[in-house]
C-alpha cells in the first residue's frame, strides 16, 4: 500500500482514537497518531539500528530503531510490533519475548522533508540472538542494519551523531537503552 493511501488512526492526548486519516495528511499537518519501535539488543550489549532508505518520506538515510511502524486501525501496539518485525527483518518474534520499555509522546519536524511526526510511541526491546546478516532488509524501506554498542552512544563523534535520527541520541532514549540492556542481559 502506498504511503499516500495508508489510513491510520488519529488519537487524542489520552491515546483514544478520534478519527481516521491518510498517513500523508497526518505527517503534513502533524496529527497525533500511534507508532511502535522495537530495539533489537544483542548479547554483546549492542543495539541493531535500521539504516533508512535514501527516499523515505521522513528521516531519509538515517539510522533508526531496528523496527518502527505505524499502528494500523484496530491493531494493538504489541500486534503491530510483531507484524512489523516480520516485515522489516524477516524475524518472527514471540509477543511474550517483547520487553515493554515505555510509552512516549514525541513530536519532531524533519527539516529535509518539512513533515511533522507527532506520535504516541510504544517502545519495546527484544533480545536478538541471531547474526545481523540473518536480518532481511525490507526492500525500498531500508538499506541495511548496523550494530552499535549501547555504552558508546553517549560519546559519539559529531560525524557519527549525524548518522542517527537526532531523537535517538537524546538522554531520555539513552536511559531507555540502558534499561533494556539491564533487563535483557
C-alpha atoms as a PDB file:
ATOM      1  CA  UNK A   1       0.000   0.000   0.000  1.00  0.00           C
ATOM      2  CA  UNK A   2       1.442   3.392  -0.867  1.00  0.00           C
ATOM      3  CA  UNK A   3       2.100   5.845   1.945  1.00  0.00           C
ATOM      4  CA  UNK A   4      -0.333   8.342   0.454  1.00  0.00           C
ATOM      5  CA  UNK A   5      -3.248   5.908   0.700  1.00  0.00           C
ATOM      6  CA  UNK A   6      -2.270   4.340   4.019  1.00  0.00           C
ATOM      7  CA  UNK A   7      -5.039   5.052   6.542  1.00  0.00           C
ATOM      8  CA  UNK A   8      -4.094   5.475  10.197  1.00  0.00           C
ATOM      9  CA  UNK A   9      -5.913   6.262  13.406  1.00  0.00           C
ATOM     10  CA  UNK A  10      -5.703   9.794  14.754  1.00  0.00           C
ATOM     11  CA  UNK A  11      -5.672   9.842  18.569  1.00  0.00           C
ATOM     12  CA  UNK A  12      -6.133  12.401  21.341  1.00  0.00           C
ATOM     13  CA  UNK A  13      -3.673  13.158  24.152  1.00  0.00           C
ATOM     14  CA  UNK A  14      -5.040  10.173  26.116  1.00  0.00           C
ATOM     15  CA  UNK A  15      -4.411   7.751  23.224  1.00  0.00           C
ATOM     16  CA  UNK A  16      -8.116   7.447  22.384  1.00  0.00           C
ATOM     17  CA  UNK A  17      -8.966   7.055  18.695  1.00  0.00           C
ATOM     18  CA  UNK A  18     -10.769  10.157  17.412  1.00  0.00           C
ATOM     19  CA  UNK A  19     -10.715   9.511  13.676  1.00  0.00           C
ATOM     20  CA  UNK A  20      -9.020   8.101  10.596  1.00  0.00           C
ATOM     21  CA  UNK A  21      -6.783   9.972   8.185  1.00  0.00           C
ATOM     22  CA  UNK A  22      -4.185   9.307   5.490  1.00  0.00           C
ATOM     23  CA  UNK A  23      -0.559   8.950   6.512  1.00  0.00           C
ATOM     24  CA  UNK A  24       0.285  11.812   4.144  1.00  0.00           C
ATOM     25  CA  UNK A  25      -2.156  14.220   5.839  1.00  0.00           C
ATOM     26  CA  UNK A  26      -1.091  13.054   9.319  1.00  0.00           C
ATOM     27  CA  UNK A  27       2.545  13.960   8.608  1.00  0.00           C
ATOM     28  CA  UNK A  28       1.752  17.156   6.687  1.00  0.00           C
ATOM     29  CA  UNK A  29      -0.471  18.509   9.467  1.00  0.00           C
ATOM     30  CA  UNK A  30       1.331  16.934  12.422  1.00  0.00           C
ATOM     31  CA  UNK A  31      -1.724  14.993  13.621  1.00  0.00           C
ATOM     32  CA  UNK A  32      -1.239  12.788  16.695  1.00  0.00           C
ATOM     33  CA  UNK A  33      -1.081   9.074  15.836  1.00  0.00           C
ATOM     34  CA  UNK A  34       0.290   5.752  17.145  1.00  0.00           C
ATOM     35  CA  UNK A  35       3.645   4.148  16.412  1.00  0.00           C
ATOM     36  CA  UNK A  36       5.889   1.403  17.740  1.00  0.00           C
ATOM     37  CA  UNK A  37       9.636   0.944  17.989  1.00  0.00           C
ATOM     38  CA  UNK A  38      11.357  -2.343  18.686  1.00  0.00           C
ATOM     39  CA  UNK A  39      15.038  -2.210  19.578  1.00  0.00           C
ATOM     40  CA  UNK A  40      16.914  -5.461  18.936  1.00  0.00           C
ATOM     41  CA  UNK A  41      19.546  -5.806  21.675  1.00  0.00           C
ATOM     42  CA  UNK A  42      22.401  -8.290  21.199  1.00  0.00           C
ATOM     43  CA  UNK A  43      24.050 -10.352  23.931  1.00  0.00           C
ATOM     44  CA  UNK A  44      27.132  -8.110  23.410  1.00  0.00           C
ATOM     45  CA  UNK A  45      25.208  -5.043  24.631  1.00  0.00           C
ATOM     46  CA  UNK A  46      24.620  -3.611  21.173  1.00  0.00           C
ATOM     47  CA  UNK A  47      21.555  -2.168  19.519  1.00  0.00           C
ATOM     48  CA  UNK A  48      20.914  -3.100  15.923  1.00  0.00           C
ATOM     49  CA  UNK A  49      19.805   0.025  14.075  1.00  0.00           C
ATOM     50  CA  UNK A  50      17.978   0.023  10.754  1.00  0.00           C
ATOM     51  CA  UNK A  51      19.529   2.270   8.107  1.00  0.00           C
ATOM     52  CA  UNK A  52      16.585   4.000   6.465  1.00  0.00           C
ATOM     53  CA  UNK A  53      16.361   4.164   2.676  1.00  0.00           C
ATOM     54  CA  UNK A  54      17.505   7.363   1.000  1.00  0.00           C
ATOM     55  CA  UNK A  55      13.991   8.022  -0.367  1.00  0.00           C
ATOM     56  CA  UNK A  56      11.960   7.612   2.869  1.00  0.00           C
ATOM     57  CA  UNK A  57       9.373  10.346   3.448  1.00  0.00           C
ATOM     58  CA  UNK A  58      10.828  11.117   6.883  1.00  0.00           C
ATOM     59  CA  UNK A  59      14.467  10.986   8.001  1.00  0.00           C
ATOM     60  CA  UNK A  60      15.928   9.510   4.813  1.00  0.00           C
ATOM     61  CA  UNK A  61      19.379   7.860   5.042  1.00  0.00           C
ATOM     62  CA  UNK A  62      19.441   7.923   8.877  1.00  0.00           C
ATOM     63  CA  UNK A  63      19.901   5.204  11.489  1.00  0.00           C
ATOM     64  CA  UNK A  64      16.650   4.423  13.282  1.00  0.00           C
ATOM     65  CA  UNK A  65      15.076   1.809  15.551  1.00  0.00           C
ATOM     66  CA  UNK A  66      15.557  -1.786  14.454  1.00  0.00           C
ATOM     67  CA  UNK A  67      11.839  -1.795  13.759  1.00  0.00           C
ATOM     68  CA  UNK A  68       9.444   1.074  13.557  1.00  0.00           C
ATOM     69  CA  UNK A  69       5.949   1.369  12.286  1.00  0.00           C
ATOM     70  CA  UNK A  70       2.567   2.948  12.440  1.00  0.00           C
ATOM     71  CA  UNK A  71      -0.149   1.141  14.351  1.00  0.00           C
ATOM     72  CA  UNK A  72      -2.826   0.255  11.829  1.00  0.00           C
ATOM     73  CA  UNK A  73      -6.528   0.683  12.568  1.00  0.00           C
ATOM     74  CA  UNK A  74      -7.881  -1.897  15.031  1.00  0.00           C
ATOM     75  CA  UNK A  75      -4.416  -3.274  15.910  1.00  0.00           C
ATOM     76  CA  UNK A  76      -2.711  -3.138  19.286  1.00  0.00           C
ATOM     77  CA  UNK A  77       0.785  -1.799  19.828  1.00  0.00           C
ATOM     78  CA  UNK A  78       2.041  -5.347  20.526  1.00  0.00           C
ATOM     79  CA  UNK A  79       0.388  -6.851  17.437  1.00  0.00           C
ATOM     80  CA  UNK A  80       1.979  -4.087  15.373  1.00  0.00           C
ATOM     81  CA  UNK A  81       5.412  -4.791  16.884  1.00  0.00           C
ATOM     82  CA  UNK A  82       5.181  -8.472  15.905  1.00  0.00           C
ATOM     83  CA  UNK A  83       3.848  -7.691  12.401  1.00  0.00           C
ATOM     84  CA  UNK A  84       6.446  -5.003  11.700  1.00  0.00           C
ATOM     85  CA  UNK A  85       9.263  -7.236  12.993  1.00  0.00           C
ATOM     86  CA  UNK A  86       8.374  -9.856  10.390  1.00  0.00           C
ATOM     87  CA  UNK A  87       8.040  -7.244   7.607  1.00  0.00           C
ATOM     88  CA  UNK A  88      11.197  -5.283   8.416  1.00  0.00           C
ATOM     89  CA  UNK A  89      13.604  -8.048   9.498  1.00  0.00           C
ATOM     90  CA  UNK A  90      12.063 -11.370   8.445  1.00  0.00           C
ATOM     91  CA  UNK A  91      12.150 -12.426  12.114  1.00  0.00           C
ATOM     92  CA  UNK A  92       9.096 -13.975  13.788  1.00  0.00           C
ATOM     93  CA  UNK A  93       9.185 -12.702  17.342  1.00  0.00           C
ATOM     94  CA  UNK A  94       7.084 -14.096  20.134  1.00  0.00           C
ATOM     95  CA  UNK A  95       4.895 -11.402  21.651  1.00  0.00           C
ATOM     96  CA  UNK A  96       5.805 -12.780  25.118  1.00  0.00           C
ATOM     97  CA  UNK A  97       9.501 -12.040  24.465  1.00  0.00           C
ATOM     98  CA  UNK A  98       8.869  -8.336  23.856  1.00  0.00           C
ATOM     99  CA  UNK A  99      10.048  -6.201  26.752  1.00  0.00           C
ATOM    100  CA  UNK A 100       7.845  -3.122  27.121  1.00  0.00           C
ATOM    101  CA  UNK A 101      10.058  -0.136  27.935  1.00  0.00           C
ATOM    102  CA  UNK A 102       7.860   2.958  27.772  1.00  0.00           C
ATOM    103  CA  UNK A 103       5.070   4.781  26.021  1.00  0.00           C
ATOM    104  CA  UNK A 104       6.335   8.164  24.883  1.00  0.00           C
ATOM    105  CA  UNK A 105       4.842  11.225  23.296  1.00  0.00           C
ATOM    106  CA  UNK A 106       7.193  12.511  20.565  1.00  0.00           C
ATOM    107  CA  UNK A 107       6.894  15.381  18.141  1.00  0.00           C
ATOM    108  CA  UNK A 108       9.605  16.175  15.630  1.00  0.00           C
ATOM    109  CA  UNK A 109       9.947  18.198  12.464  1.00  0.00           C
ATOM    110  CA  UNK A 110      12.060  16.908   9.589  1.00  0.00           C
ATOM    111  CA  UNK A 111      13.947  19.840   8.036  1.00  0.00           C
ATOM    112  CA  UNK A 112      14.627  17.844   4.860  1.00  0.00           C
ATOM    113  CA  UNK A 113      11.049  16.813   4.046  1.00  0.00           C
ATOM    114  CA  UNK A 114       9.220  19.541   6.033  1.00  0.00           C
ATOM    115  CA  UNK A 115       6.967  16.901   7.596  1.00  0.00           C
ATOM    116  CA  UNK A 116       5.982  16.630  11.258  1.00  0.00           C
ATOM    117  CA  UNK A 117       5.871  13.334  13.113  1.00  0.00           C
ATOM    118  CA  UNK A 118       3.597  13.711  16.135  1.00  0.00           C
ATOM    119  CA  UNK A 119       3.115  10.341  17.795  1.00  0.00           C
ATOM    120  CA  UNK A 120       2.417   8.308  20.857  1.00  0.00           C
ATOM    121  CA  UNK A 121       5.036   5.594  20.546  1.00  0.00           C
ATOM    122  CA  UNK A 122       5.301   2.348  22.480  1.00  0.00           C
ATOM    123  CA  UNK A 123       8.933   1.323  22.888  1.00  0.00           C
ATOM    124  CA  UNK A 124       9.951  -2.329  23.157  1.00  0.00           C
ATOM    125  CA  UNK A 125      13.219  -4.207  23.419  1.00  0.00           C
ATOM    126  CA  UNK A 126      13.877  -7.697  22.134  1.00  0.00           C
ATOM    127  CA  UNK A 127      16.903  -9.874  22.835  1.00  0.00           C
ATOM    128  CA  UNK A 128      18.139 -10.825  19.376  1.00  0.00           C
ATOM    129  CA  UNK A 129      20.475 -13.812  19.419  1.00  0.00           C
ATOM    130  CA  UNK A 130      20.958 -14.284  15.683  1.00  0.00           C
ATOM    131  CA  UNK A 131      23.512 -12.784  13.320  1.00  0.00           C
ATOM    132  CA  UNK A 132      22.949  -9.321  11.879  1.00  0.00           C
ATOM    133  CA  UNK A 133      23.429 -10.899   8.442  1.00  0.00           C
ATOM    134  CA  UNK A 134      20.305 -13.034   9.076  1.00  0.00           C
ATOM    135  CA  UNK A 135      18.092  -9.938   9.148  1.00  0.00           C
ATOM    136  CA  UNK A 136      16.220  -9.426   5.895  1.00  0.00           C
ATOM    137  CA  UNK A 137      16.139  -5.868   4.586  1.00  0.00           C
ATOM    138  CA  UNK A 138      12.668  -4.656   3.637  1.00  0.00           C
ATOM    139  CA  UNK A 139      13.050  -3.608   0.023  1.00  0.00           C
ATOM    140  CA  UNK A 140      12.579   0.102  -0.575  1.00  0.00           C
ATOM    141  CA  UNK A 141      12.367   0.883   3.145  1.00  0.00           C
ATOM    142  CA  UNK A 142      15.906   0.278   4.359  1.00  0.00           C
ATOM    143  CA  UNK A 143      19.423  -0.205   3.069  1.00  0.00           C
ATOM    144  CA  UNK A 144      20.759  -2.353   5.883  1.00  0.00           C
ATOM    145  CA  UNK A 145      21.381  -2.815   9.602  1.00  0.00           C
ATOM    146  CA  UNK A 146      24.231  -1.671  11.844  1.00  0.00           C
ATOM    147  CA  UNK A 147      25.106  -2.713  15.404  1.00  0.00           C
ATOM    148  CA  UNK A 148      26.389  -0.069  17.836  1.00  0.00           C
ATOM    149  CA  UNK A 149      27.418  -0.642  21.461  1.00  0.00           C
ATOM    150  CA  UNK A 150      24.920   0.965  23.850  1.00  0.00           C
ATOM    151  CA  UNK A 151      27.803   2.156  26.032  1.00  0.00           C
ATOM    152  CA  UNK A 152      29.370   4.054  23.089  1.00  0.00           C
ATOM    153  CA  UNK A 153      26.252   6.031  22.109  1.00  0.00           C
ATOM    154  CA  UNK A 154      26.667   8.917  24.624  1.00  0.00           C
ATOM    155  CA  UNK A 155      30.181   9.722  23.361  1.00  0.00           C
ATOM    156  CA  UNK A 156      29.896   9.548  19.576  1.00  0.00           C
ATOM    157  CA  UNK A 157      31.882  11.883  17.337  1.00  0.00           C
ATOM    158  CA  UNK A 158      29.977  14.710  15.652  1.00  0.00           C
ATOM    159  CA  UNK A 159      30.335  12.825  12.357  1.00  0.00           C
ATOM    160  CA  UNK A 160      28.787   9.654  13.835  1.00  0.00           C
ATOM    161  CA  UNK A 161      25.980  11.607  15.544  1.00  0.00           C
ATOM    162  CA  UNK A 162      24.838  12.865  12.128  1.00  0.00           C
ATOM    163  CA  UNK A 163      24.181   9.264  11.043  1.00  0.00           C
ATOM    164  CA  UNK A 164      21.306   8.933  13.535  1.00  0.00           C
ATOM    165  CA  UNK A 165      17.860  10.431  13.782  1.00  0.00           C
ATOM    166  CA  UNK A 166      18.521  13.139  16.351  1.00  0.00           C
ATOM    167  CA  UNK A 167      15.926  11.935  18.891  1.00  0.00           C
ATOM    168  CA  UNK A 168      17.726   8.577  19.264  1.00  0.00           C
ATOM    169  CA  UNK A 169      20.741  10.142  20.968  1.00  0.00           C
ATOM    170  CA  UNK A 170      18.735  12.227  23.463  1.00  0.00           C
ATOM    171  CA  UNK A 171      19.268  11.475  27.171  1.00  0.00           C
ATOM    172  CA  UNK A 172      15.746  10.026  27.528  1.00  0.00           C
ATOM    173  CA  UNK A 173      16.456   7.425  24.835  1.00  0.00           C
ATOM    174  CA  UNK A 174      19.935   6.572  26.119  1.00  0.00           C
ATOM    175  CA  UNK A 175      18.343   5.853  29.525  1.00  0.00           C
ATOM    176  CA  UNK A 176      15.788   3.626  27.807  1.00  0.00           C
ATOM    177  CA  UNK A 177      18.560   1.658  26.060  1.00  0.00           C
ATOM    178  CA  UNK A 178      20.396   1.150  29.366  1.00  0.00           C
ATOM    179  CA  UNK A 179      17.148  -0.035  30.965  1.00  0.00           C
ATOM    180  CA  UNK A 180      16.688  -2.553  28.133  1.00  0.00           C
ATOM    181  CA  UNK A 181      20.293  -3.762  28.463  1.00  0.00           C
ATOM    182  CA  UNK A 182      19.940  -4.282  32.227  1.00  0.00           C
ATOM    183  CA  UNK A 183      16.645  -6.171  31.895  1.00  0.00           C
ATOM    184  CA  UNK A 184      17.611  -8.361  28.939  1.00  0.00           C
ATOM    185  CA  UNK A 185      21.247  -9.209  29.661  1.00  0.00           C
END
